[in-house]
Amino acid sequence: MSKYIEKLPPELLGIIKLAKDISFKLGYKSYLVGGFVRDLILKRKNLDLDITVEGDGIEFARTLASHLKAEVTFHQRFGTATLITPEGFKIDIATSRKELYPKPAMLPQVEKGDIADDLKRRDFTINALAISIYPETKEEIIDFFGGYQDLLRKKIRVLHDKSFIDDPTRILRAIRFEQRFGFCIEKNTLRLIKEALSLNMLQRLSPHRLRDELILILKEENVLKSILRIEELLGWDFLIPGLRLNRRKIKLLNSIIQTIDWYSKEFPQRRSLDTWLMYLIGLLDGLDKERTVSFLNRFSFTKGQTKRILSYIVKHKQLMYKLKKKLKPSRIYTYLEPLSYEVILLLKAKSKDKNLNKNIENFLKVYNNIKLNITGKDLKEMGISEGPCYQKIFKRLLYAKLDKNIETKEEELRFVRNLIRG
């Protein structure tokens, strides 16, 4: 077994050995491929296996899933499957295939091929590496395109000159991998990117593919470096004509990074943020509602994403003005409770005003955690008929609890009795 595989965690090593046994029984050659192999060589943690099979990938996946008692999703059209084991490991299984691009920027036509065909269709040489699971070979790494040397030289290089014409999303992927690993896009690949841009290849992509690649970039750890590199190489017209990354936006993006870091340290147990959405809003900051809606519609963002983005674009100036004042807790709660955490933290990132920051921090740390002790059952026992009035009573009580010294259940009941009396 390859020296690279032997150093893996025992659980992952067990899955690979099982895959080897299944390959032997089915008579299929099988390989670890792509990003998993790349990260093995770079000694970067990656527990998501990517296996390619010269044979029936669906049959292989079904057999492996049965042994592992894994959840499995099949994609019959492409001969692929994704397994999630009970321990949480993700395994992508694919039938080795070759691809033909009938037209530039369109999805390819797929047919079965061998491992050489499968690696040839990859985006960059560093992702076109494989390790044989079965049968084992003397070669530690299967490398047809010099990807191993490119890893050592820290280079991002495409496999052929039409790569960015066939699939322009690779332009964004080149930047993503370059910044993730601290590599450099090599000279000829950079020239090919510029040629593809001169042909407006990014604009020829379907909006949803462009959106998905952008989101992946905004999820990267070195997100600001990637954003600055896009500004340098591409500009942002491919996203929104006239969109520019000026000093003000760079300052805001830096502040967003710092605010996310603050939130993570202050609230380690709270739900994770859609940080990519915050960076996207940072890029959109300054756009009016009409252009923002046009952008959101074109790229088919979900209703939830659209709501959060627009709530910031439309309301942030007014909210920031209000939150700069000294306010009662109930008023702060009224302003902030309807907003998502992403939008609230964007307000904090956008302004350095002390009152605003104090109001937001008090909301997150204190006001948003206050709960009522009484329930609808208590109101019913007080003789209050069920209906919309319950919600109004609870709202008045909550606001009173925020602003006054009401703590116990008995104090809450007393407040409600006084409220209904007059």
Protein backbone atom coordinates (compact mmCIF):
# COMPACT_ATOMS: atom_id res chain seq x y z
CA MET A 1 0.00 0.00 0.00
CA SER A 2 1.21 3.52 -0.83
CA LYS A 3 3.29 5.24 1.86
CA TYR A 4 0.89 8.20 1.64
CA ILE A 5 -2.13 6.05 2.48
CA GLU A 6 -0.45 4.27 5.37
CA LYS A 7 -0.31 7.48 7.39
CA LEU A 8 -4.08 8.04 7.25
CA PRO A 9 -6.33 7.71 10.34
CA PRO A 10 -7.27 4.06 11.04
CA GLU A 11 -10.97 4.63 10.22
CA LEU A 12 -10.13 6.01 6.78
CA LEU A 13 -7.52 3.35 6.18
CA GLY A 14 -10.16 0.72 6.94
CA ILE A 15 -12.50 2.18 4.32
CA ILE A 16 -9.73 2.13 1.69
CA LYS A 17 -8.87 -1.50 2.48
CA LEU A 18 -12.55 -2.41 2.17
CA ALA A 19 -12.69 -0.60 -1.19
CA LYS A 20 -9.67 -2.64 -2.28
CA ASP A 21 -11.41 -5.92 -1.35
CA ILE A 22 -14.56 -4.88 -3.23
CA SER A 23 -12.49 -3.93 -6.29
CA PHE A 24 -10.90 -7.39 -6.23
CA LYS A 25 -14.26 -9.19 -5.92
CA LEU A 26 -15.87 -7.14 -8.70
CA GLY A 27 -12.81 -7.27 -10.92
CA TYR A 28 -12.58 -3.44 -11.18
CA LYS A 29 -9.49 -1.27 -11.08
CA SER A 30 -9.99 1.51 -8.57
CA TYR A 31 -8.08 4.66 -7.64
CA LEU A 32 -7.95 7.45 -5.11
CA VAL A 33 -8.01 10.61 -7.20
CA GLY A 34 -8.11 14.38 -7.34
CA GLY A 35 -8.10 16.72 -4.35
CA PHE A 36 -7.73 13.89 -1.84
CA VAL A 37 -4.44 12.79 -3.38
CA ARG A 38 -3.27 16.39 -3.75
CA ASP A 39 -3.89 17.06 -0.06
CA LEU A 40 -2.21 13.80 0.95
CA ILE A 41 0.97 14.95 -0.78
CA LEU A 42 0.69 18.44 0.71
CA LYS A 43 0.02 16.90 4.17
CA ARG A 44 -3.22 18.85 4.47
CA LYS A 45 -6.14 17.35 6.36
CA ASN A 46 -8.81 16.02 4.01
CA LEU A 47 -11.09 13.21 5.19
CA ASP A 48 -13.33 13.18 2.10
CA LEU A 49 -12.41 10.24 -0.11
CA ASP A 50 -12.68 10.51 -3.89
CA ILE A 51 -12.59 7.14 -5.66
CA THR A 52 -12.71 6.46 -9.40
CA VAL A 53 -13.53 2.99 -10.72
CA GLU A 54 -12.77 1.47 -14.13
CA GLY A 55 -16.06 -0.39 -14.23
CA ASP A 56 -19.55 0.21 -12.88
CA GLY A 57 -19.20 2.96 -10.29
CA ILE A 58 -22.85 2.57 -9.21
CA GLU A 59 -22.42 -1.14 -8.46
CA PHE A 60 -19.17 -0.44 -6.62
CA ALA A 61 -20.81 2.33 -4.55
CA ARG A 62 -23.84 0.17 -3.72
CA THR A 63 -21.60 -2.65 -2.48
CA LEU A 64 -19.36 -0.34 -0.45
CA ALA A 65 -22.38 1.44 1.08
CA SER A 66 -23.87 -1.90 2.12
CA HIS A 67 -20.68 -2.92 3.97
CA LEU A 68 -20.31 0.48 5.64
CA LYS A 69 -24.04 0.89 6.37
CA ALA A 70 -23.67 4.30 4.73
CA GLU A 71 -26.30 6.63 3.34
CA VAL A 72 -25.91 6.81 -0.42
CA THR A 73 -27.10 9.13 -3.17
CA PHE A 74 -26.83 7.87 -6.75
CA HIS A 75 -26.46 9.93 -9.92
CA GLN A 76 -27.19 7.29 -12.55
CA ARG A 77 -26.74 9.65 -15.50
CA PHE A 78 -23.10 10.32 -14.62
CA GLY A 79 -22.31 6.96 -13.04
CA THR A 80 -21.48 8.59 -9.70
CA ALA A 81 -22.55 8.27 -6.09
CA THR A 82 -21.92 9.95 -2.74
CA LEU A 83 -21.72 7.95 0.49
CA ILE A 84 -21.95 9.32 4.04
CA THR A 85 -20.81 6.81 6.66
CA PRO A 86 -22.31 6.62 10.17
CA GLU A 87 -19.04 8.19 11.41
CA GLY A 88 -19.54 11.15 9.08
CA PHE A 89 -16.97 10.33 6.39
CA LYS A 90 -17.90 11.42 2.87
CA ILE A 91 -16.93 9.21 -0.07
CA ASP A 92 -17.46 10.21 -3.69
CA ILE A 93 -17.50 7.28 -6.12
CA ALA A 94 -17.29 7.80 -9.89
CA THR A 95 -17.10 5.64 -12.97
CA SER A 96 -13.94 6.67 -14.81
CA ARG A 97 -14.99 8.71 -17.82
CA LYS A 98 -13.94 10.98 -20.62
CA GLU A 99 -15.61 14.28 -21.44
CA LEU A 100 -16.36 16.08 -24.67
CA TYR A 101 -17.39 19.74 -24.72
CA PRO A 102 -19.82 20.23 -27.64
CA LYS A 103 -19.76 24.02 -27.19
CA PRO A 104 -17.66 26.39 -25.07
CA ALA A 105 -18.92 27.06 -21.51
CA MET A 106 -21.53 24.26 -21.73
CA LEU A 107 -21.67 21.13 -19.61
CA PRO A 108 -19.76 18.26 -21.24
CA GLN A 109 -20.99 15.05 -22.82
CA VAL A 110 -19.76 12.07 -20.82
CA GLU A 111 -18.79 8.52 -21.79
CA LYS A 112 -16.84 5.73 -20.08
CA GLY A 113 -13.06 5.82 -20.17
CA ASP A 114 -9.99 4.61 -18.31
CA ILE A 115 -8.04 6.34 -15.55
CA ALA A 116 -5.97 8.32 -18.07
CA ASP A 117 -9.17 9.67 -19.66
CA ASP A 118 -10.56 10.50 -16.25
CA LEU A 119 -7.50 12.43 -15.11
CA LYS A 120 -7.27 14.23 -18.46
CA ARG A 121 -10.66 15.89 -17.87
CA ARG A 122 -9.50 17.52 -14.61
CA ASP A 123 -9.04 21.25 -14.22
CA PHE A 124 -5.40 21.55 -13.10
CA THR A 125 -2.37 19.27 -13.00
CA ILE A 126 -2.31 19.30 -9.19
CA ASN A 127 -5.82 17.80 -9.24
CA ALA A 128 -4.98 15.20 -11.90
CA LEU A 129 -3.16 12.77 -9.63
CA ALA A 130 -4.17 9.26 -8.58
CA ILE A 131 -3.10 6.42 -6.31
CA SER A 132 -4.10 2.89 -7.28
CA ILE A 133 -6.12 1.01 -4.67
CA TYR A 134 -6.42 -2.17 -6.72
CA PRO A 135 -4.34 -3.55 -8.21
CA GLU A 136 -1.47 -2.03 -6.28
CA THR A 137 1.35 -0.71 -8.47
CA LYS A 138 4.99 0.18 -8.02
CA GLU A 139 4.13 3.79 -8.77
CA GLU A 140 3.36 5.71 -5.60
CA ILE A 141 1.58 8.38 -7.62
CA ILE A 142 -0.05 8.07 -11.04
CA ASP A 143 0.85 11.34 -12.73
CA PHE A 144 0.40 11.82 -16.49
CA PHE A 145 0.65 15.62 -16.53
CA GLY A 146 3.42 16.67 -14.15
CA GLY A 147 1.09 17.52 -11.27
CA TYR A 148 3.50 16.22 -8.63
CA GLN A 149 6.25 18.58 -9.76
CA ASP A 150 3.74 21.44 -9.91
CA LEU A 151 2.87 20.76 -6.29
CA LEU A 152 6.55 20.97 -5.37
CA ARG A 153 6.97 24.15 -7.44
CA LYS A 154 3.71 25.60 -6.07
CA LYS A 155 2.24 26.17 -9.52
CA ILE A 156 -1.35 26.20 -10.80
CA ARG A 157 -1.29 24.90 -14.37
CA VAL A 158 -4.05 23.76 -16.73
CA LEU A 159 -3.82 20.53 -18.68
CA HIS A 160 -4.44 21.98 -22.15
CA ASP A 161 -4.81 25.32 -23.95
CA LYS A 162 -8.61 25.14 -24.38
CA SER A 163 -9.28 24.45 -20.71
CA PHE A 164 -10.78 27.87 -19.87
CA ILE A 165 -12.76 27.92 -23.12
CA ASP A 166 -14.29 24.53 -22.37
CA ASP A 167 -15.11 25.44 -18.79
CA PRO A 168 -14.69 29.10 -17.74
CA THR A 169 -15.48 28.27 -14.10
CA ARG A 170 -11.87 27.08 -14.00
CA ILE A 171 -10.81 30.75 -14.08
CA LEU A 172 -12.34 31.24 -10.64
CA ARG A 173 -11.10 27.86 -9.47
CA ALA A 174 -7.53 28.80 -10.46
CA ILE A 175 -7.75 31.82 -8.18
CA ARG A 176 -9.36 29.78 -5.39
CA PHE A 177 -6.62 27.13 -5.38
CA GLU A 178 -3.85 29.70 -5.86
CA GLN A 179 -4.91 31.59 -2.74
CA ARG A 180 -5.80 28.50 -0.68
CA PHE A 181 -2.36 26.95 -1.08
CA GLY A 182 -0.26 30.08 -1.48
CA PHE A 183 0.67 28.96 -5.02
CA CYS A 184 1.10 31.01 -8.20
CA ILE A 185 -0.79 30.67 -11.47
CA GLU A 186 2.00 29.82 -13.94
CA LYS A 187 2.74 32.11 -16.90
CA ASN A 188 1.05 30.19 -19.73
CA THR A 189 -2.06 29.49 -17.62
CA LEU A 190 -2.26 33.19 -16.79
CA ARG A 191 -2.05 33.99 -20.51
CA LEU A 192 -4.87 31.54 -21.23
CA ILE A 193 -7.02 33.15 -18.54
CA LYS A 194 -6.56 36.56 -20.15
CA GLU A 195 -7.42 35.15 -23.58
CA ALA A 196 -10.62 33.60 -22.18
CA LEU A 197 -11.53 36.89 -20.50
CA SER A 198 -11.03 38.77 -23.78
CA LEU A 199 -13.68 36.45 -25.25
CA ASN A 200 -16.05 37.20 -22.31
CA MET A 201 -16.13 33.52 -21.41
CA LEU A 202 -17.31 34.10 -17.83
CA GLN A 203 -20.36 35.97 -19.15
CA ARG A 204 -21.20 32.93 -21.28
CA LEU A 205 -21.59 30.69 -18.25
CA SER A 206 -25.02 29.90 -16.90
CA PRO A 207 -25.68 32.18 -13.89
CA HIS A 208 -26.12 29.32 -11.42
CA ARG A 209 -22.70 27.83 -12.23
CA LEU A 210 -21.09 31.23 -11.81
CA ARG A 211 -22.96 31.74 -8.52
CA ASP A 212 -21.83 28.38 -7.15
CA GLU A 213 -18.17 29.07 -7.97
CA LEU A 214 -18.39 32.51 -6.38
CA ILE A 215 -19.88 31.05 -3.20
CA LEU A 216 -17.03 28.52 -3.01
CA ILE A 217 -14.52 31.37 -3.20
CA LEU A 218 -16.36 33.32 -0.51
CA LYS A 219 -16.20 30.24 1.74
CA GLU A 220 -12.41 30.06 1.52
CA GLU A 221 -10.26 30.79 4.57
CA ASN A 222 -8.21 33.39 2.66
CA VAL A 223 -11.35 35.04 1.30
CA LEU A 224 -10.01 38.60 1.12
CA LYS A 225 -6.89 37.51 -0.79
CA SER A 226 -9.12 35.75 -3.31
CA ILE A 227 -11.36 38.81 -3.65
CA LEU A 228 -8.35 41.08 -4.22
CA ARG A 229 -6.93 38.63 -6.78
CA ILE A 230 -10.23 38.61 -8.67
CA GLU A 231 -10.14 42.41 -8.70
CA GLU A 232 -6.59 42.30 -10.06
CA LEU A 233 -7.12 39.69 -12.77
CA LEU A 234 -10.79 39.89 -13.71
CA GLY A 235 -12.55 42.88 -12.21
CA TRP A 236 -16.19 42.36 -11.23
CA ASP A 237 -18.10 43.22 -14.40
CA PHE A 238 -18.74 39.49 -14.95
CA LEU A 239 -20.88 39.64 -11.79
CA ILE A 240 -22.46 43.10 -11.99
CA PRO A 241 -21.49 45.65 -14.67
CA GLY A 242 -19.80 48.59 -13.01
CA LEU A 243 -19.14 46.82 -9.68
CA ARG A 244 -15.84 48.01 -8.24
CA LEU A 245 -13.73 47.03 -5.24
CA ASN A 246 -12.64 50.38 -3.81
CA ARG A 247 -10.82 51.23 -0.56
CA ARG A 248 -14.08 51.65 1.32
CA LYS A 249 -15.21 48.13 0.44
CA ILE A 250 -11.82 46.63 1.26
CA LYS A 251 -12.01 48.32 4.66
CA LEU A 252 -15.53 46.93 5.16
CA LEU A 253 -14.46 43.41 4.16
CA ASN A 254 -11.56 43.56 6.64
CA SER A 255 -13.99 44.71 9.32
CA ILE A 256 -16.35 41.82 8.46
CA ILE A 257 -13.47 39.37 8.96
CA GLN A 258 -12.69 40.90 12.37
CA THR A 259 -16.38 40.90 13.39
CA ILE A 260 -16.81 37.23 12.43
CA ASP A 261 -13.71 36.42 14.49
CA TRP A 262 -15.17 38.37 17.46
CA TYR A 263 -18.48 36.50 17.18
CA SER A 264 -16.73 33.10 17.02
CA LYS A 265 -14.77 33.83 20.19
CA GLU A 266 -17.66 35.38 22.12
CA PHE A 267 -20.28 32.79 21.15
CA PRO A 268 -18.50 29.49 20.44
CA GLN A 269 -21.63 27.45 21.20
CA ARG A 270 -24.01 29.40 18.96
CA ARG A 271 -24.95 28.42 15.44
CA SER A 272 -22.41 29.00 12.71
CA LEU A 273 -22.82 31.94 10.37
CA ASP A 274 -23.19 31.97 6.60
CA THR A 275 -19.97 33.95 6.41
CA TRP A 276 -19.92 33.76 2.60
CA LEU A 277 -23.21 35.68 2.56
CA MET A 278 -21.67 38.42 4.69
CA TYR A 279 -18.74 38.79 2.30
CA LEU A 280 -21.13 38.89 -0.65
CA ILE A 281 -23.12 41.67 1.01
CA GLY A 282 -19.84 43.47 1.62
CA LEU A 283 -19.16 43.33 -2.13
CA LEU A 284 -22.68 44.57 -2.89
CA ASP A 285 -22.54 47.37 -0.31
CA GLY A 286 -23.47 50.67 -1.94
CA LEU A 287 -25.75 49.18 -4.60
CA ASP A 288 -29.33 50.42 -4.66
CA LYS A 289 -32.29 48.08 -4.19
CA GLU A 290 -33.13 47.88 -7.91
CA ARG A 291 -29.66 46.71 -8.99
CA THR A 292 -29.45 44.33 -6.05
CA VAL A 293 -32.80 42.73 -6.88
CA SER A 294 -31.73 42.38 -10.52
CA PHE A 295 -28.54 40.62 -9.41
CA LEU A 296 -30.36 38.30 -6.99
CA ASN A 297 -32.95 37.35 -9.59
CA ARG A 298 -30.37 36.70 -12.29
CA PHE A 299 -28.37 34.34 -10.08
CA SER A 300 -31.41 32.67 -8.49
CA PHE A 301 -30.49 33.04 -4.84
CA THR A 302 -32.86 31.32 -2.42
CA LYS A 303 -35.69 33.21 -0.70
CA GLY A 304 -33.85 33.09 2.61
CA GLN A 305 -30.62 34.41 1.10
CA THR A 306 -32.48 37.10 -0.81
CA LYS A 307 -34.35 38.22 2.31
CA ARG A 308 -31.14 38.62 4.31
CA ILE A 309 -29.28 40.45 1.55
CA LEU A 310 -32.14 42.87 0.90
CA SER A 311 -32.77 43.50 4.59
CA TYR A 312 -29.24 44.87 4.78
CA ILE A 313 -29.24 46.78 1.49
CA VAL A 314 -32.59 48.45 2.20
CA LYS A 315 -32.45 49.01 5.96
CA HIS A 316 -28.84 49.35 7.09
CA LYS A 317 -28.52 53.15 6.86
CA GLN A 318 -31.72 53.77 8.80
CA LEU A 319 -30.88 51.12 11.40
CA MET A 320 -27.36 52.42 11.90
CA TYR A 321 -28.72 55.93 12.47
CA LYS A 322 -31.17 54.66 15.10
CA LEU A 323 -28.70 52.36 16.86
CA LYS A 324 -26.17 55.15 17.39
CA LYS A 325 -28.49 56.58 20.05
CA LYS A 326 -28.84 55.56 23.67
CA LEU A 327 -31.90 53.32 23.62
CA LYS A 328 -34.08 51.27 25.93
CA PRO A 329 -33.39 47.53 25.69
CA SER A 330 -36.90 46.95 24.31
CA ARG A 331 -36.25 49.42 21.49
CA ILE A 332 -32.96 47.73 20.61
CA TYR A 333 -34.78 44.40 20.64
CA THR A 334 -37.47 45.76 18.31
CA TYR A 335 -34.88 46.90 15.78
CA LEU A 336 -32.64 43.82 15.81
CA GLU A 337 -34.80 40.80 16.59
CA PRO A 338 -36.32 40.56 13.07
CA LEU A 339 -32.83 40.50 11.49
CA SER A 340 -30.55 37.52 10.88
CA TYR A 341 -27.30 37.30 12.85
CA GLU A 342 -25.42 37.87 9.59
CA VAL A 343 -27.13 41.24 9.04
CA ILE A 344 -26.77 42.28 12.70
CA LEU A 345 -23.04 41.59 12.59
CA LEU A 346 -22.75 43.46 9.30
CA LEU A 347 -24.16 46.53 11.04
CA LYS A 348 -21.47 46.13 13.69
CA ALA A 349 -18.78 45.70 11.04
CA LYS A 350 -19.99 48.70 9.09
CA SER A 351 -19.89 51.17 11.99
CA LYS A 352 -17.30 51.99 14.65
CA ASP A 353 -19.80 54.03 16.67
CA LYS A 354 -19.51 53.10 20.37
CA ASN A 355 -23.23 53.30 21.14
CA LEU A 356 -24.14 51.18 18.12
CA ASN A 357 -21.60 48.52 19.00
CA LYS A 358 -22.67 48.49 22.64
CA ASN A 359 -26.34 48.16 21.66
CA ILE A 360 -25.60 45.26 19.32
CA GLU A 361 -23.38 43.48 21.83
CA ASN A 362 -26.02 43.88 24.56
CA PHE A 363 -28.64 42.43 22.24
CA LEU A 364 -26.50 39.40 21.38
CA LYS A 365 -25.25 38.79 24.92
CA VAL A 366 -28.32 39.69 27.01
CA TYR A 367 -31.56 40.81 25.39
CA ASN A 368 -31.90 38.06 22.81
CA ASN A 369 -31.54 35.38 25.50
CA ILE A 370 -34.33 36.60 27.79
CA LYS A 371 -37.19 34.11 28.07
CA LEU A 372 -40.61 34.35 29.66
CA ASN A 373 -41.53 32.07 32.56
CA ILE A 374 -45.28 32.09 31.96
CA THR A 375 -47.09 30.30 29.14
CA GLY A 376 -50.46 30.33 27.46
CA LYS A 377 -51.65 27.89 30.13
CA ASP A 378 -51.02 30.54 32.80
CA LEU A 379 -53.02 33.12 30.84
CA LYS A 380 -55.88 30.67 30.45
CA GLU A 381 -55.91 29.99 34.19
CA MET A 382 -56.20 33.75 34.72
CA GLY A 383 -59.43 33.67 32.71
CA ILE A 384 -58.05 35.23 29.54
CA SER A 385 -59.70 33.75 26.44
CA GLU A 386 -57.35 32.26 23.86
CA GLY A 387 -56.70 34.33 20.74
CA PRO A 388 -54.46 37.00 19.20
CA CYS A 389 -54.40 38.86 22.50
CA TYR A 390 -51.98 36.22 23.90
CA GLN A 391 -49.28 37.33 21.47
CA LYS A 392 -49.86 41.00 22.39
CA ILE A 393 -49.65 40.22 26.11
CA PHE A 394 -46.44 38.23 25.72
CA LYS A 395 -44.92 41.04 23.66
CA ARG A 396 -45.81 43.69 26.26
CA LEU A 397 -44.46 41.43 29.00
CA LEU A 398 -41.20 40.77 27.16
CA TYR A 399 -40.62 44.48 26.59
CA ALA A 400 -41.35 45.18 30.25
CA LYS A 401 -38.98 42.41 31.30
CA LEU A 402 -36.26 43.95 29.11
CA ASP A 403 -36.74 47.45 30.51
CA LYS A 404 -37.76 46.80 34.13
CA ASN A 405 -36.71 44.62 36.99
CA ILE A 406 -39.06 41.71 36.28
CA GLU A 407 -37.43 38.33 36.89
CA THR A 408 -39.59 35.73 38.59
CA LYS A 409 -42.72 34.03 37.33
CA GLU A 410 -44.75 35.66 40.10
CA GLU A 411 -43.57 39.11 38.99
CA GLU A 412 -44.57 38.28 35.42
CA LEU A 413 -48.04 37.16 36.54
CA ARG A 414 -48.43 40.37 38.57
CA PHE A 415 -47.51 42.44 35.52
CA VAL A 416 -50.13 40.65 33.37
CA ARG A 417 -52.83 41.09 36.04
CA ASN A 418 -52.10 44.82 36.16
CA LEU A 419 -52.10 44.94 32.37
CA ILE A 420 -55.55 43.36 31.95
CA ARG A 421 -57.01 45.47 34.73
CA GLY A 422 -56.34 48.60 32.98
